[in-house]
Amino acid sequence: MKSLLMLAICAAVLFAQPVAAEKPPNCKKHSPPRCSRVRDPVCGTNGITFPNECMLCLFNTEYNKGVKILRSGDC
C-alpha cells in the first residue's frame, strides 16, 4: 500500500502541468498609442490574445484595466 501511494505521488509530480506565471506587461518599453504591427502574440490574463505586448498596454490604458501577460503566444 505504501509503495502504491509513493508511485502515485511520483506520477503526479512527473506529469504535473507547469503553472503559468503572470507578469505585468512592460509598458515603459513600448509606447502606445503607436504600437508596432509586428505580430508577437501574448495571452492576457483575461483570456484574450493580443497581437503584441504593446497592444495589451494600449488596451489597459484605454479601458483602465490591469490585464497581465499569462504567457507568450496565443491563448
PDB file of N, CA and C in Angstrom:
ATOM      1  N   MET A   1       0.827  -1.186   0.000  1.00  0.00           N
ATOM      2  CA  MET A   1       0.000   0.000   0.000  1.00  0.00           C
ATOM      3  C   MET A   1       0.868   1.246   0.000  1.00  0.00           C
ATOM      4  N   LYS A   2       1.925   1.223   0.812  1.00  0.00           N
ATOM      5  CA  LYS A   2       2.816   2.366   0.916  1.00  0.00           C
ATOM      6  C   LYS A   2       3.522   2.634  -0.419  1.00  0.00           C
ATOM      7  N   SER A   3       3.967   1.558  -1.100  1.00  0.00           N
ATOM      8  CA  SER A   3       4.663   1.732  -2.377  1.00  0.00           C
ATOM      9  C   SER A   3       3.707   2.226  -3.463  1.00  0.00           C
ATOM     10  N   LEU A   4       2.451   1.833  -3.389  1.00  0.00           N
ATOM     11  CA  LEU A   4       1.453   2.295  -4.350  1.00  0.00           C
ATOM     12  C   LEU A   4       1.208   3.793  -4.177  1.00  0.00           C
ATOM     13  N   LEU A   5       1.164   4.240  -2.948  1.00  0.00           N
ATOM     14  CA  LEU A   5       0.985   5.656  -2.665  1.00  0.00           C
ATOM     15  C   LEU A   5       2.186   6.459  -3.170  1.00  0.00           C
ATOM     16  N   MET A   6       3.380   5.961  -2.936  1.00  0.00           N
ATOM     17  CA  MET A   6       4.584   6.637  -3.410  1.00  0.00           C
ATOM     18  C   MET A   6       4.613   6.699  -4.936  1.00  0.00           C
ATOM     19  N   LEU A   7       4.185   5.633  -5.606  1.00  0.00           N
ATOM     20  CA  LEU A   7       4.126   5.607  -7.057  1.00  0.00           C
ATOM     21  C   LEU A   7       3.142   6.653  -7.579  1.00  0.00           C
ATOM     22  N   ALA A   8       2.005   6.785  -6.923  1.00  0.00           N
ATOM     23  CA  ALA A   8       1.002   7.771  -7.320  1.00  0.00           C
ATOM     24  C   ALA A   8       1.529   9.188  -7.134  1.00  0.00           C
ATOM     25  N   ILE A   9       2.226   9.438  -6.055  1.00  0.00           N
ATOM     26  CA  ILE A   9       2.798  10.759  -5.800  1.00  0.00           C
ATOM     27  C   ILE A   9       3.863  11.084  -6.840  1.00  0.00           C
ATOM     28  N   CYS A  10       4.725  10.134  -7.147  1.00  0.00           N
ATOM     29  CA  CYS A  10       5.773  10.355  -8.149  1.00  0.00           C
ATOM     30  C   CYS A  10       5.168  10.631  -9.527  1.00  0.00           C
ATOM     31  N   ALA A  11       4.133   9.893  -9.892  1.00  0.00           N
ATOM     32  CA  ALA A  11       3.473  10.101 -11.180  1.00  0.00           C
ATOM     33  C   ALA A  11       2.842  11.479 -11.243  1.00  0.00           C
ATOM     34  N   ALA A  12       2.231  11.914 -10.155  1.00  0.00           N
ATOM     35  CA  ALA A  12       1.606  13.237 -10.123  1.00  0.00           C
ATOM     36  C   ALA A  12       2.642  14.334 -10.297  1.00  0.00           C
ATOM     37  N   VAL A  13       3.798  14.171  -9.683  1.00  0.00           N
ATOM     38  CA  VAL A  13       4.863  15.167  -9.802  1.00  0.00           C
ATOM     39  C   VAL A  13       5.437  15.173 -11.218  1.00  0.00           C
ATOM     40  N   LEU A  14       5.646  14.008 -11.806  1.00  0.00           N
ATOM     41  CA  LEU A  14       6.238  13.920 -13.133  1.00  0.00           C
ATOM     42  C   LEU A  14       5.324  14.463 -14.228  1.00  0.00           C
ATOM     43  N   PHE A  15       4.018  14.245 -14.085  1.00  0.00           N
ATOM     44  CA  PHE A  15       3.091  14.630 -15.137  1.00  0.00           C
ATOM     45  C   PHE A  15       2.335  15.924 -14.849  1.00  0.00           C
ATOM     46  N   ALA A  16       2.734  16.628 -13.832  1.00  0.00           N
ATOM     47  CA  ALA A  16       2.066  17.885 -13.493  1.00  0.00           C
ATOM     48  C   ALA A  16       2.357  18.933 -14.562  1.00  0.00           C
ATOM     49  N   GLN A  17       1.335  19.705 -14.926  1.00  0.00           N
ATOM     50  CA  GLN A  17       1.497  20.794 -15.881  1.00  0.00           C
ATOM     51  C   GLN A  17       2.192  21.953 -15.175  1.00  0.00           C
ATOM     52  N   PRO A  18       3.143  22.594 -15.832  1.00  0.00           N
ATOM     53  CA  PRO A  18       3.764  23.757 -15.214  1.00  0.00           C
ATOM     54  C   PRO A  18       2.742  24.885 -15.097  1.00  0.00           C
ATOM     55  N   VAL A  19       2.792  25.615 -14.009  1.00  0.00           N
ATOM     56  CA  VAL A  19       1.869  26.716 -13.785  1.00  0.00           C
ATOM     57  C   VAL A  19       2.406  27.948 -14.506  1.00  0.00           C
ATOM     58  N   ALA A  20       1.533  28.576 -15.290  1.00  0.00           N
ATOM     59  CA  ALA A  20       1.934  29.792 -15.993  1.00  0.00           C
ATOM     60  C   ALA A  20       2.102  30.918 -14.978  1.00  0.00           C
ATOM     61  N   ALA A  21       3.159  31.660 -15.129  1.00  0.00           N
ATOM     62  CA  ALA A  21       3.410  32.771 -14.218  1.00  0.00           C
ATOM     63  C   ALA A  21       2.925  34.062 -14.869  1.00  0.00           C
ATOM     64  N   GLU A  22       2.021  34.735 -14.204  1.00  0.00           N
ATOM     65  CA  GLU A  22       1.529  36.009 -14.709  1.00  0.00           C
ATOM     66  C   GLU A  22       2.617  37.055 -14.527  1.00  0.00           C
ATOM     67  N   LYS A  23       2.751  37.917 -15.520  1.00  0.00           N
ATOM     68  CA  LYS A  23       3.704  39.014 -15.376  1.00  0.00           C
ATOM     69  C   LYS A  23       3.087  40.274 -15.973  1.00  0.00           C
ATOM     70  N   PRO A  24       3.383  41.407 -15.378  1.00  0.00           N
ATOM     71  CA  PRO A  24       2.848  42.652 -15.924  1.00  0.00           C
ATOM     72  C   PRO A  24       3.543  42.993 -17.240  1.00  0.00           C
ATOM     73  N   PRO A  25       2.820  43.591 -18.179  1.00  0.00           N
ATOM     74  CA  PRO A  25       3.471  43.993 -19.426  1.00  0.00           C
ATOM     75  C   PRO A  25       4.442  45.142 -19.174  1.00  0.00           C
ATOM     76  N   ASN A  26       5.486  45.197 -19.957  1.00  0.00           N
ATOM     77  CA  ASN A  26       6.480  46.256 -19.825  1.00  0.00           C
ATOM     78  C   ASN A  26       6.038  47.439 -20.688  1.00  0.00           C
ATOM     79  N   CYS A  27       5.135  48.257 -20.163  1.00  0.00           N
ATOM     80  CA  CYS A  27       4.571  49.364 -20.936  1.00  0.00           C
ATOM     81  C   CYS A  27       5.541  50.532 -21.081  1.00  0.00           C
ATOM     82  N   LYS A  28       6.585  50.586 -20.275  1.00  0.00           N
ATOM     83  CA  LYS A  28       7.593  51.637 -20.437  1.00  0.00           C
ATOM     84  C   LYS A  28       8.462  51.345 -21.663  1.00  0.00           C
ATOM     85  N   LYS A  29       8.624  50.065 -21.971  1.00  0.00           N
ATOM     86  CA  LYS A  29       9.421  49.661 -23.125  1.00  0.00           C
ATOM     87  C   LYS A  29       8.678  49.983 -24.425  1.00  0.00           C
ATOM     88  N   HIS A  30       7.361  49.898 -24.382  1.00  0.00           N
ATOM     89  CA  HIS A  30       6.521  50.130 -25.556  1.00  0.00           C
ATOM     90  C   HIS A  30       5.877  51.500 -25.430  1.00  0.00           C
ATOM     91  N   SER A  31       5.485  52.070 -26.548  1.00  0.00           N
ATOM     92  CA  SER A  31       4.925  53.417 -26.484  1.00  0.00           C
ATOM     93  C   SER A  31       3.545  53.506 -27.144  1.00  0.00           C
ATOM     94  N   PRO A  32       2.499  53.015 -26.456  1.00  0.00           N
ATOM     95  CA  PRO A  32       1.172  53.203 -27.013  1.00  0.00           C
ATOM     96  C   PRO A  32       0.889  54.696 -27.108  1.00  0.00           C
ATOM     97  N   PRO A  33       0.158  55.234 -28.014  1.00  0.00           N
ATOM     98  CA  PRO A  33      -0.713  54.527 -28.958  1.00  0.00           C
ATOM     99  C   PRO A  33      -0.030  54.162 -30.266  1.00  0.00           C
ATOM    100  N   ARG A  34       1.267  54.313 -30.376  1.00  0.00           N
ATOM    101  CA  ARG A  34       1.956  53.971 -31.626  1.00  0.00           C
ATOM    102  C   ARG A  34       2.604  52.598 -31.521  1.00  0.00           C
ATOM    103  N   CYS A  35       1.789  51.590 -31.471  1.00  0.00           N
ATOM    104  CA  CYS A  35       2.302  50.222 -31.363  1.00  0.00           C
ATOM    105  C   CYS A  35       2.713  49.691 -32.731  1.00  0.00           C
ATOM    106  N   SER A  36       3.726  48.861 -32.724  1.00  0.00           N
ATOM    107  CA  SER A  36       4.190  48.191 -33.933  1.00  0.00           C
ATOM    108  C   SER A  36       3.127  47.212 -34.415  1.00  0.00           C
ATOM    109  N   ARG A  37       3.135  46.942 -35.691  1.00  0.00           N
ATOM    110  CA  ARG A  37       2.209  45.945 -36.246  1.00  0.00           C
ATOM    111  C   ARG A  37       2.856  44.562 -36.303  1.00  0.00           C
ATOM    112  N   VAL A  38       4.040  44.433 -35.747  1.00  0.00           N
ATOM    113  CA  VAL A  38       4.727  43.146 -35.719  1.00  0.00           C
ATOM    114  C   VAL A  38       3.929  42.185 -34.847  1.00  0.00           C
ATOM    115  N   ARG A  39       3.657  40.995 -35.375  1.00  0.00           N
ATOM    116  CA  ARG A  39       2.879  40.012 -34.627  1.00  0.00           C
ATOM    117  C   ARG A  39       3.809  39.208 -33.731  1.00  0.00           C
ATOM    118  N   ASP A  40       3.638  39.410 -32.441  1.00  0.00           N
ATOM    119  CA  ASP A  40       4.369  38.679 -31.406  1.00  0.00           C
ATOM    120  C   ASP A  40       3.360  38.456 -30.290  1.00  0.00           C
ATOM    121  N   PRO A  41       2.393  37.548 -30.516  1.00  0.00           N
ATOM    122  CA  PRO A  41       1.219  37.448 -29.639  1.00  0.00           C
ATOM    123  C   PRO A  41       1.537  37.118 -28.187  1.00  0.00           C
ATOM    124  N   VAL A  42       0.702  37.678 -27.320  1.00  0.00           N
ATOM    125  CA  VAL A  42       0.731  37.354 -25.896  1.00  0.00           C
ATOM    126  C   VAL A  42      -0.693  37.042 -25.456  1.00  0.00           C
ATOM    127  N   CYS A  43      -0.813  36.120 -24.535  1.00  0.00           N
ATOM    128  CA  CYS A  43      -2.104  35.742 -23.975  1.00  0.00           C
ATOM    129  C   CYS A  43      -2.302  36.521 -22.683  1.00  0.00           C
ATOM    130  N   GLY A  44      -3.360  37.321 -22.651  1.00  0.00           N
ATOM    131  CA  GLY A  44      -3.659  38.105 -21.460  1.00  0.00           C
ATOM    132  C   GLY A  44      -4.373  37.280 -20.407  1.00  0.00           C
ATOM    133  N   THR A  45      -4.315  37.748 -19.177  1.00  0.00           N
ATOM    134  CA  THR A  45      -4.987  37.050 -18.073  1.00  0.00           C
ATOM    135  C   THR A  45      -6.511  37.132 -18.200  1.00  0.00           C
ATOM    136  N   ASN A  46      -7.002  37.914 -19.162  1.00  0.00           N
ATOM    137  CA  ASN A  46      -8.441  37.996 -19.413  1.00  0.00           C
ATOM    138  C   ASN A  46      -8.877  37.007 -20.489  1.00  0.00           C
ATOM    139  N   GLY A  47      -7.949  36.184 -20.982  1.00  0.00           N
ATOM    140  CA  GLY A  47      -8.276  35.168 -21.978  1.00  0.00           C
ATOM    141  C   GLY A  47      -8.250  35.682 -23.409  1.00  0.00           C
ATOM    142  N   ILE A  48      -7.809  36.900 -23.619  1.00  0.00           N
ATOM    143  CA  ILE A  48      -7.732  37.490 -24.961  1.00  0.00           C
ATOM    144  C   ILE A  48      -6.303  37.421 -25.455  1.00  0.00           C
ATOM    145  N   THR A  49      -6.148  37.057 -26.740  1.00  0.00           N
ATOM    146  CA  THR A  49      -4.832  37.089 -27.368  1.00  0.00           C
ATOM    147  C   THR A  49      -4.622  38.480 -27.951  1.00  0.00           C
ATOM    148  N   PHE A  50      -3.538  39.123 -27.557  1.00  0.00           N
ATOM    149  CA  PHE A  50      -3.179  40.439 -28.073  1.00  0.00           C
ATOM    150  C   PHE A  50      -2.083  40.250 -29.117  1.00  0.00           C
ATOM    151  N   PRO A  51      -2.108  41.048 -30.207  1.00  0.00           N
ATOM    152  CA  PRO A  51      -1.107  40.884 -31.265  1.00  0.00           C
ATOM    153  C   PRO A  51       0.332  41.043 -30.773  1.00  0.00           C
ATOM    154  N   ASN A  52       0.518  41.881 -29.764  1.00  0.00           N
ATOM    155  CA  ASN A  52       1.840  42.060 -29.168  1.00  0.00           C
ATOM    156  C   ASN A  52       1.663  42.727 -27.798  1.00  0.00           C
ATOM    157  N   GLU A  53       2.738  42.834 -27.062  1.00  0.00           N
ATOM    158  CA  GLU A  53       2.704  43.375 -25.696  1.00  0.00           C
ATOM    159  C   GLU A  53       2.247  44.834 -25.675  1.00  0.00           C
ATOM    160  N   CYS A  54       2.633  45.585 -26.688  1.00  0.00           N
ATOM    161  CA  CYS A  54       2.254  46.992 -26.756  1.00  0.00           C
ATOM    162  C   CYS A  54       0.731  47.136 -26.861  1.00  0.00           C
ATOM    163  N   MET A  55       0.102  46.266 -27.642  1.00  0.00           N
ATOM    164  CA  MET A  55      -1.354  46.326 -27.792  1.00  0.00           C
ATOM    165  C   MET A  55      -2.051  45.993 -26.473  1.00  0.00           C
ATOM    166  N   LEU A  56      -1.464  45.110 -25.680  1.00  0.00           N
ATOM    167  CA  LEU A  56      -2.001  44.835 -24.352  1.00  0.00           C
ATOM    168  C   LEU A  56      -1.897  46.089 -23.490  1.00  0.00           C
ATOM    169  N   CYS A  57      -0.779  46.794 -23.564  1.00  0.00           N
ATOM    170  CA  CYS A  57      -0.609  48.047 -22.819  1.00  0.00           C
ATOM    171  C   CYS A  57      -1.648  49.074 -23.251  1.00  0.00           C
ATOM    172  N   LEU A  58      -1.879  49.162 -24.549  1.00  0.00           N
ATOM    173  CA  LEU A  58      -2.859  50.093 -25.081  1.00  0.00           C
ATOM    174  C   LEU A  58      -4.258  49.744 -24.566  1.00  0.00           C
ATOM    175  N   PHE A  59      -4.600  48.463 -24.550  1.00  0.00           N
ATOM    176  CA  PHE A  59      -5.886  48.003 -24.024  1.00  0.00           C
ATOM    177  C   PHE A  59      -6.032  48.419 -22.564  1.00  0.00           C
ATOM    178  N   ASN A  60      -4.999  48.169 -21.768  1.00  0.00           N
ATOM    179  CA  ASN A  60      -5.049  48.529 -20.345  1.00  0.00           C
ATOM    180  C   ASN A  60      -5.239  50.033 -20.154  1.00  0.00           C
ATOM    181  N   THR A  61      -4.564  50.821 -20.980  1.00  0.00           N
ATOM    182  CA  THR A  61      -4.669  52.280 -20.875  1.00  0.00           C
ATOM    183  C   THR A  61      -6.060  52.758 -21.283  1.00  0.00           C
ATOM    184  N   GLU A  62      -6.550  52.277 -22.419  1.00  0.00           N
ATOM    185  CA  GLU A  62      -7.839  52.738 -22.938  1.00  0.00           C
ATOM    186  C   GLU A  62      -9.016  52.337 -22.056  1.00  0.00           C
ATOM    187  N   TYR A  63      -8.959  51.140 -21.481  1.00  0.00           N
ATOM    188  CA  TYR A  63     -10.086  50.632 -20.712  1.00  0.00           C
ATOM    189  C   TYR A  63      -9.835  50.622 -19.204  1.00  0.00           C
ATOM    190  N   ASN A  64      -8.736  51.241 -18.774  1.00  0.00           N
ATOM    191  CA  ASN A  64      -8.379  51.311 -17.354  1.00  0.00           C
ATOM    192  C   ASN A  64      -8.410  49.923 -16.702  1.00  0.00           C
ATOM    193  N   LYS A  65      -7.712  48.994 -17.322  1.00  0.00           N
ATOM    194  CA  LYS A  65      -7.647  47.607 -16.847  1.00  0.00           C
ATOM    195  C   LYS A  65      -6.246  47.294 -16.351  1.00  0.00           C
ATOM    196  N   GLY A  66      -6.105  46.158 -15.759  1.00  0.00           N
ATOM    197  CA  GLY A  66      -4.812  45.700 -15.255  1.00  0.00           C
ATOM    198  C   GLY A  66      -4.491  44.310 -15.756  1.00  0.00           C
ATOM    199  N   VAL A  67      -4.771  44.068 -17.047  1.00  0.00           N
ATOM    200  CA  VAL A  67      -4.513  42.747 -17.623  1.00  0.00           C
ATOM    201  C   VAL A  67      -3.014  42.505 -17.663  1.00  0.00           C
ATOM    202  N   LYS A  68      -2.619  41.312 -17.256  1.00  0.00           N
ATOM    203  CA  LYS A  68      -1.211  40.912 -17.266  1.00  0.00           C
ATOM    204  C   LYS A  68      -0.995  39.884 -18.361  1.00  0.00           C
ATOM    205  N   ILE A  69       0.243  39.525 -18.578  1.00  0.00           N
ATOM    206  CA  ILE A  69       0.597  38.508 -19.559  1.00  0.00           C
ATOM    207  C   ILE A  69       0.573  37.148 -18.872  1.00  0.00           C
ATOM    208  N   LEU A  70      -0.267  36.266 -19.380  1.00  0.00           N
ATOM    209  CA  LEU A  70      -0.324  34.904 -18.836  1.00  0.00           C
ATOM    210  C   LEU A  70       0.806  34.074 -19.412  1.00  0.00           C
ATOM    211  N   ARG A  71       1.026  34.231 -20.743  1.00  0.00           N
ATOM    212  CA  ARG A  71       2.112  33.515 -21.418  1.00  0.00           C
ATOM    213  C   ARG A  71       2.323  34.122 -22.797  1.00  0.00           C
ATOM    214  N   SER A  72       3.441  33.822 -23.409  1.00  0.00           N
ATOM    215  CA  SER A  72       3.696  34.219 -24.789  1.00  0.00           C
ATOM    216  C   SER A  72       2.913  33.304 -25.713  1.00  0.00           C
ATOM    217  N   GLY A  73       2.482  33.838 -26.835  1.00  0.00           N
ATOM    218  CA  GLY A  73       1.716  33.041 -27.800  1.00  0.00           C
ATOM    219  C   GLY A  73       0.224  33.256 -27.647  1.00  0.00           C
ATOM    220  N   ASP A  74      -0.521  32.556 -28.480  1.00  0.00           N
ATOM    221  CA  ASP A  74      -1.977  32.657 -28.461  1.00  0.00           C
ATOM    222  C   ASP A  74      -2.567  31.990 -27.227  1.00  0.00           C
ATOM    223  N   CYS A  75      -3.733  32.459 -26.846  1.00  0.00           N
ATOM    224  CA  CYS A  75      -4.456  31.868 -25.696  1.00  0.00           C
ATOM    225  C   CYS A  75      -5.023  30.511 -26.082  1.00  0.00           C
TER     226      CYS A  75
END
